[in-house]
Every structure is written in C-alpha cells, then in structure tokens.
C-alpha cells in the first residue's frame, strides 16, 4: 500500500462566464512518498544518526502539512543526540548558514507523526 503525506492548499472554484470566485477552501494535496533508499522523513539519503535535510522540499512540505509551520534546522536535528546537533549547528554556521529554531513558545519537532494511508 502506498503511503502518502498531505499538505493543505487553497482551492478556488471560479465561474467561467464571470471570472468570479464562487468558493475558496483548503483541501489536502498529496505528496508522493520519498524514493526507495532515501530517508522516509526528508527524502534524502543520509545516515540515520545525522539530521534531516531542512532544505529538502519534501521535508519542508511534509513538515508543514503535519505541523502547520515550516521546519527549522533545530527540527531537522531534533532526533539526534545533543552532541551531533551541536556539531551540525557549528558546521552550518561555519559555512555561513543560519541555524534556525522554531518560533518562541514552540519546541523542535522530532517526529512528524503517522503518514496518511
């Protein structure tokens, strides 16, 4: 059975003769699962002890669909031990990238939860 994640998108129904919007609502949009052999969370091939790729489009949209906000590097490393997350942060910052964190009042998300079957 194929497992799918969804992300909410805005859908409009438009009257073709007038061009006016008749209805607008959020609907779930399916995201294809990651390719075989890649991480099931971020769709990138990496060691399970390393952070997910926060820049992966799959991870960004799957995260947004599950959590309702965009992921941060702290979210991507939340499943790692503290030492690995700190090494990843220092490496990214050493390369000139910003280590991003969730908004105030939110903790990093370690698990996106179950996929929609």
N, C-alpha and C. Protein backbone atom coordinates (compact mmCIF):
# COMPACT_ATOMS: atom_id res chain seq x y z
N UNK A 1 0.84 -1.18 0.00
CA UNK A 1 0.00 0.00 0.00
C UNK A 1 0.88 1.24 0.00
N UNK A 2 0.62 2.20 -0.87
CA UNK A 2 1.39 3.43 -0.95
C UNK A 2 1.00 4.37 0.19
N UNK A 3 1.99 4.88 0.87
CA UNK A 3 1.74 5.83 1.96
C UNK A 3 1.94 7.24 1.42
N UNK A 4 1.03 8.12 1.80
CA UNK A 4 1.09 9.50 1.33
C UNK A 4 1.02 10.47 2.49
N UNK A 5 1.69 11.59 2.34
CA UNK A 5 1.54 12.72 3.24
C UNK A 5 0.76 13.78 2.47
N UNK A 6 0.11 14.65 3.21
CA UNK A 6 -0.65 15.70 2.56
C UNK A 6 -0.23 17.06 3.10
N UNK A 7 -0.49 18.08 2.31
CA UNK A 7 -0.26 19.46 2.71
C UNK A 7 -1.52 20.24 2.30
N UNK A 8 -2.00 21.16 3.15
CA UNK A 8 -3.19 21.91 2.77
C UNK A 8 -2.86 22.97 1.72
N UNK A 9 -3.70 23.06 0.71
CA UNK A 9 -3.57 24.10 -0.32
C UNK A 9 -4.92 24.77 -0.49
N UNK A 10 -4.91 26.02 -0.92
CA UNK A 10 -6.15 26.74 -1.16
C UNK A 10 -6.66 26.41 -2.56
N UNK A 11 -7.92 26.03 -2.65
CA UNK A 11 -8.55 25.73 -3.92
C UNK A 11 -9.67 26.74 -4.16
N UNK A 12 -9.74 27.24 -5.37
CA UNK A 12 -10.82 28.14 -5.74
C UNK A 12 -11.65 27.53 -6.84
N UNK A 13 -12.97 27.72 -6.73
CA UNK A 13 -13.88 27.37 -7.82
C UNK A 13 -14.31 28.70 -8.42
N UNK A 14 -14.11 28.82 -9.74
CA UNK A 14 -14.37 30.09 -10.41
C UNK A 14 -15.46 29.90 -11.46
N UNK A 15 -16.38 30.83 -11.50
CA UNK A 15 -17.42 30.84 -12.53
C UNK A 15 -16.76 31.25 -13.84
N UNK A 16 -16.72 30.34 -14.82
CA UNK A 16 -16.03 30.59 -16.08
C UNK A 16 -16.65 31.74 -16.87
N UNK A 17 -17.93 31.98 -16.72
CA UNK A 17 -18.57 33.04 -17.51
C UNK A 17 -18.33 34.43 -16.91
N UNK A 18 -18.16 34.51 -15.59
CA UNK A 18 -17.96 35.82 -14.96
C UNK A 18 -16.53 36.03 -14.46
N UNK A 19 -15.83 34.95 -14.23
CA UNK A 19 -14.48 35.05 -13.69
C UNK A 19 -14.45 35.27 -12.19
N UNK A 20 -15.61 35.23 -11.55
CA UNK A 20 -15.70 35.46 -10.11
C UNK A 20 -15.50 34.16 -9.33
N UNK A 21 -14.88 34.31 -8.16
CA UNK A 21 -14.66 33.17 -7.28
C UNK A 21 -15.98 32.79 -6.63
N UNK A 22 -16.38 31.53 -6.81
CA UNK A 22 -17.62 31.03 -6.22
C UNK A 22 -17.34 30.46 -4.83
N UNK A 23 -16.20 29.79 -4.72
CA UNK A 23 -15.86 29.13 -3.46
C UNK A 23 -14.35 29.09 -3.32
N UNK A 24 -13.88 29.21 -2.08
CA UNK A 24 -12.46 29.06 -1.78
C UNK A 24 -12.36 28.28 -0.48
N UNK A 25 -11.53 27.22 -0.50
CA UNK A 25 -11.37 26.40 0.70
C UNK A 25 -10.05 25.66 0.66
N UNK A 26 -9.59 25.25 1.84
CA UNK A 26 -8.36 24.46 1.94
C UNK A 26 -8.70 23.00 1.64
N UNK A 27 -7.86 22.38 0.83
CA UNK A 27 -8.03 20.95 0.52
C UNK A 27 -6.68 20.26 0.69
N UNK A 28 -6.69 18.96 1.04
CA UNK A 28 -5.41 18.25 1.18
C UNK A 28 -4.83 17.92 -0.19
N UNK A 29 -3.55 18.14 -0.33
CA UNK A 29 -2.83 17.85 -1.56
C UNK A 29 -1.83 16.75 -1.25
N UNK A 30 -1.86 15.66 -1.99
CA UNK A 30 -0.97 14.53 -1.73
C UNK A 30 0.45 14.83 -2.19
N UNK A 31 1.40 14.38 -1.37
CA UNK A 31 2.82 14.46 -1.71
C UNK A 31 3.28 13.02 -1.95
N UNK A 32 3.92 12.78 -3.07
CA UNK A 32 4.41 11.44 -3.36
C UNK A 32 5.44 11.03 -2.31
N UNK A 33 5.49 9.77 -1.95
CA UNK A 33 6.46 9.31 -0.94
C UNK A 33 7.89 9.43 -1.45
N UNK A 34 8.85 9.46 -0.53
CA UNK A 34 10.26 9.53 -0.93
C UNK A 34 10.66 8.30 -1.75
N UNK A 35 11.68 8.48 -2.56
CA UNK A 35 12.21 7.38 -3.37
C UNK A 35 12.77 6.29 -2.47
N UNK A 36 12.68 5.07 -2.94
CA UNK A 36 13.22 3.93 -2.20
C UNK A 36 14.71 4.16 -1.93
N UNK A 37 15.12 3.85 -0.71
CA UNK A 37 16.52 4.00 -0.34
C UNK A 37 16.87 5.36 0.24
N UNK A 38 15.88 6.26 0.32
CA UNK A 38 16.12 7.57 0.92
C UNK A 38 15.41 7.65 2.26
N UNK A 39 15.73 8.65 3.04
CA UNK A 39 15.11 8.85 4.34
C UNK A 39 13.61 9.07 4.16
N UNK A 40 12.81 8.38 4.96
CA UNK A 40 11.36 8.50 4.86
C UNK A 40 10.84 9.84 5.38
N UNK A 41 11.67 10.58 6.10
CA UNK A 41 11.26 11.87 6.64
C UNK A 41 11.62 13.03 5.71
N UNK A 42 12.85 13.00 5.16
CA UNK A 42 13.29 14.15 4.34
C UNK A 42 13.56 13.80 2.87
N UNK A 43 13.46 12.55 2.51
CA UNK A 43 13.64 12.10 1.12
C UNK A 43 15.07 12.31 0.60
N UNK A 44 16.03 12.35 1.50
CA UNK A 44 17.44 12.47 1.13
C UNK A 44 18.18 11.27 1.73
N UNK A 45 19.15 10.75 1.03
CA UNK A 45 19.91 9.61 1.55
C UNK A 45 20.93 10.13 2.56
N UNK A 46 20.78 9.71 3.83
CA UNK A 46 21.74 10.08 4.87
C UNK A 46 21.72 9.04 5.98
N UNK A 47 22.77 9.01 6.76
CA UNK A 47 22.86 8.12 7.91
C UNK A 47 21.77 8.51 8.91
N UNK A 48 21.16 7.52 9.56
CA UNK A 48 20.06 7.80 10.49
C UNK A 48 20.50 8.63 11.69
N UNK A 49 21.80 8.65 11.99
CA UNK A 49 22.29 9.44 13.12
C UNK A 49 22.48 10.92 12.77
N UNK A 50 22.41 11.26 11.48
CA UNK A 50 22.57 12.65 11.04
C UNK A 50 21.23 13.35 10.95
N UNK A 51 21.23 14.69 11.03
CA UNK A 51 19.98 15.44 10.89
C UNK A 51 19.35 15.25 9.51
N UNK A 52 18.06 15.50 9.45
CA UNK A 52 17.36 15.52 8.16
C UNK A 52 17.80 16.76 7.40
N UNK A 53 17.54 16.77 6.11
CA UNK A 53 17.87 17.94 5.30
C UNK A 53 16.72 18.94 5.38
N UNK A 54 16.91 20.00 6.14
CA UNK A 54 15.86 21.02 6.32
C UNK A 54 15.57 21.76 5.03
N UNK A 55 16.44 21.65 4.03
CA UNK A 55 16.22 22.33 2.76
C UNK A 55 15.54 21.44 1.72
N UNK A 56 15.29 20.19 2.06
CA UNK A 56 14.60 19.28 1.16
C UNK A 56 13.15 19.74 0.98
N UNK A 57 12.71 19.89 -0.25
CA UNK A 57 11.33 20.31 -0.49
C UNK A 57 10.33 19.30 0.08
N UNK A 58 10.65 18.01 -0.04
CA UNK A 58 9.76 17.01 0.53
C UNK A 58 9.61 17.23 2.03
N UNK A 59 10.73 17.38 2.72
CA UNK A 59 10.70 17.58 4.18
C UNK A 59 9.93 18.86 4.53
N UNK A 60 10.18 19.93 3.80
CA UNK A 60 9.51 21.19 4.10
C UNK A 60 7.99 21.06 3.98
N UNK A 61 7.51 20.47 2.89
CA UNK A 61 6.06 20.37 2.69
C UNK A 61 5.43 19.30 3.57
N UNK A 62 6.12 18.17 3.78
CA UNK A 62 5.59 17.15 4.68
C UNK A 62 5.50 17.70 6.10
N UNK A 63 6.52 18.44 6.51
CA UNK A 63 6.55 19.05 7.85
C UNK A 63 5.41 20.06 7.98
N UNK A 64 5.27 20.92 6.99
CA UNK A 64 4.20 21.93 7.03
C UNK A 64 2.82 21.27 7.09
N UNK A 65 2.63 20.23 6.31
CA UNK A 65 1.35 19.52 6.32
C UNK A 65 1.05 18.88 7.66
N UNK A 66 2.09 18.38 8.34
CA UNK A 66 1.90 17.69 9.62
C UNK A 66 1.85 18.64 10.81
N UNK A 67 2.64 19.72 10.76
CA UNK A 67 2.82 20.58 11.92
C UNK A 67 2.14 21.94 11.76
N UNK A 68 2.02 22.43 10.53
CA UNK A 68 1.38 23.73 10.32
C UNK A 68 2.34 24.90 10.33
N UNK A 69 3.63 24.62 10.32
CA UNK A 69 4.66 25.66 10.18
C UNK A 69 5.83 25.06 9.41
N UNK A 70 6.72 25.92 8.93
CA UNK A 70 7.87 25.45 8.17
C UNK A 70 8.94 24.91 9.12
N UNK A 71 9.71 23.90 8.71
CA UNK A 71 10.72 23.32 9.58
C UNK A 71 11.95 24.22 9.72
N UNK A 72 12.67 23.98 10.80
CA UNK A 72 13.92 24.69 11.06
C UNK A 72 15.04 23.66 11.12
N UNK A 73 16.27 24.13 11.18
CA UNK A 73 17.38 23.20 11.33
C UNK A 73 17.30 22.51 12.69
N UNK A 74 16.81 23.21 13.71
CA UNK A 74 16.64 22.57 15.02
C UNK A 74 15.64 21.43 14.94
N UNK A 75 14.58 21.58 14.15
CA UNK A 75 13.63 20.49 13.94
C UNK A 75 14.32 19.33 13.23
N UNK A 76 15.09 19.64 12.20
CA UNK A 76 15.76 18.60 11.41
C UNK A 76 16.74 17.79 12.24
N UNK A 77 17.29 18.41 13.30
CA UNK A 77 18.26 17.72 14.15
C UNK A 77 17.66 17.23 15.46
N UNK A 78 16.36 17.40 15.65
CA UNK A 78 15.72 17.07 16.94
C UNK A 78 15.82 15.59 17.29
N UNK A 79 15.94 14.72 16.30
CA UNK A 79 16.05 13.28 16.58
C UNK A 79 17.48 12.86 16.91
N UNK A 80 18.44 13.76 16.75
CA UNK A 80 19.85 13.46 17.01
C UNK A 80 20.19 13.69 18.47
N UNK A 81 21.32 13.10 18.91
CA UNK A 81 21.77 13.41 20.27
C UNK A 81 22.30 14.85 20.29
N UNK A 82 22.43 15.41 21.48
CA UNK A 82 22.83 16.82 21.63
C UNK A 82 24.18 17.12 20.99
N UNK A 83 25.12 16.19 21.12
CA UNK A 83 26.45 16.42 20.55
C UNK A 83 26.39 16.52 19.02
N UNK A 84 25.62 15.65 18.38
CA UNK A 84 25.50 15.69 16.92
C UNK A 84 24.82 16.99 16.48
N UNK A 85 23.73 17.36 17.15
CA UNK A 85 23.02 18.59 16.80
C UNK A 85 23.95 19.80 16.92
N UNK A 86 24.75 19.83 17.97
CA UNK A 86 25.69 20.94 18.17
C UNK A 86 26.78 20.96 17.09
N UNK A 87 27.30 19.79 16.72
CA UNK A 87 28.29 19.73 15.64
C UNK A 87 27.68 20.22 14.33
N UNK A 88 26.43 19.82 14.07
CA UNK A 88 25.75 20.23 12.84
C UNK A 88 25.56 21.75 12.83
N UNK A 89 25.14 22.30 13.99
CA UNK A 89 24.94 23.76 14.10
C UNK A 89 26.24 24.49 13.82
N UNK A 90 27.32 24.07 14.46
CA UNK A 90 28.61 24.74 14.28
C UNK A 90 29.10 24.64 12.84
N UNK A 91 28.90 23.49 12.23
CA UNK A 91 29.31 23.30 10.83
C UNK A 91 28.53 24.22 9.91
N UNK A 92 27.21 24.25 10.07
CA UNK A 92 26.39 25.13 9.22
C UNK A 92 26.78 26.60 9.40
N UNK A 93 26.92 27.02 10.66
CA UNK A 93 27.29 28.42 10.91
C UNK A 93 28.68 28.73 10.38
N UNK A 94 29.60 27.74 10.46
CA UNK A 94 30.93 27.92 9.92
C UNK A 94 30.95 28.09 8.41
N UNK A 95 29.90 27.58 7.76
CA UNK A 95 29.77 27.72 6.30
C UNK A 95 28.94 28.96 5.93
N UNK A 96 28.56 29.75 6.95
CA UNK A 96 27.82 30.98 6.69
C UNK A 96 26.31 30.83 6.66
N UNK A 97 25.80 29.67 7.07
CA UNK A 97 24.35 29.44 7.11
C UNK A 97 23.81 29.76 8.49
N UNK A 98 22.57 30.13 8.55
CA UNK A 98 21.94 30.44 9.83
C UNK A 98 21.32 29.17 10.42
N UNK A 99 21.57 28.92 11.70
CA UNK A 99 20.94 27.82 12.43
C UNK A 99 19.57 28.33 12.84
N UNK A 100 18.53 27.77 12.29
CA UNK A 100 17.17 28.25 12.57
C UNK A 100 16.53 27.43 13.67
N UNK A 101 15.65 28.09 14.42
CA UNK A 101 14.93 27.46 15.53
C UNK A 101 13.44 27.73 15.35
N UNK A 102 12.60 26.93 16.01
CA UNK A 102 11.15 27.17 15.96
C UNK A 102 10.81 28.53 16.58
N UNK A 103 9.64 29.05 16.27
CA UNK A 103 9.21 30.33 16.87
C UNK A 103 9.16 30.22 18.40
N UNK A 104 9.24 31.36 19.07
CA UNK A 104 9.13 31.38 20.53
C UNK A 104 7.88 30.64 20.98
N UNK A 105 8.05 29.84 22.01
CA UNK A 105 6.93 29.07 22.56
C UNK A 105 6.77 27.69 21.95
N UNK A 106 7.57 27.36 20.94
CA UNK A 106 7.49 26.06 20.29
C UNK A 106 8.81 25.32 20.46
N UNK A 107 8.71 24.02 20.71
CA UNK A 107 9.89 23.17 20.78
C UNK A 107 10.16 22.56 19.42
N UNK A 108 11.41 22.16 19.14
CA UNK A 108 11.69 21.46 17.88
C UNK A 108 10.86 20.18 17.79
N UNK A 109 10.41 19.86 16.59
CA UNK A 109 9.59 18.68 16.34
C UNK A 109 10.50 17.53 15.93
N UNK A 110 10.45 16.47 16.71
CA UNK A 110 11.30 15.30 16.48
C UNK A 110 10.68 14.32 15.49
N UNK A 111 9.36 14.19 15.49
CA UNK A 111 8.65 13.18 14.71
C UNK A 111 7.45 13.82 14.02
N UNK A 112 7.28 13.57 12.74
CA UNK A 112 6.16 14.14 12.00
C UNK A 112 4.85 13.39 12.19
N UNK A 113 4.90 12.29 12.91
CA UNK A 113 3.67 11.52 13.12
C UNK A 113 3.38 10.59 11.97
N UNK A 114 2.26 9.89 12.06
CA UNK A 114 1.94 8.89 11.04
C UNK A 114 1.59 9.53 9.70
N UNK A 115 1.89 8.79 8.66
CA UNK A 115 1.51 9.21 7.32
C UNK A 115 0.06 8.86 7.09
N UNK A 116 -0.56 9.55 6.14
CA UNK A 116 -1.92 9.23 5.76
C UNK A 116 -1.88 7.99 4.88
N UNK A 117 -2.67 7.00 5.19
CA UNK A 117 -2.66 5.76 4.40
C UNK A 117 -3.83 5.75 3.46
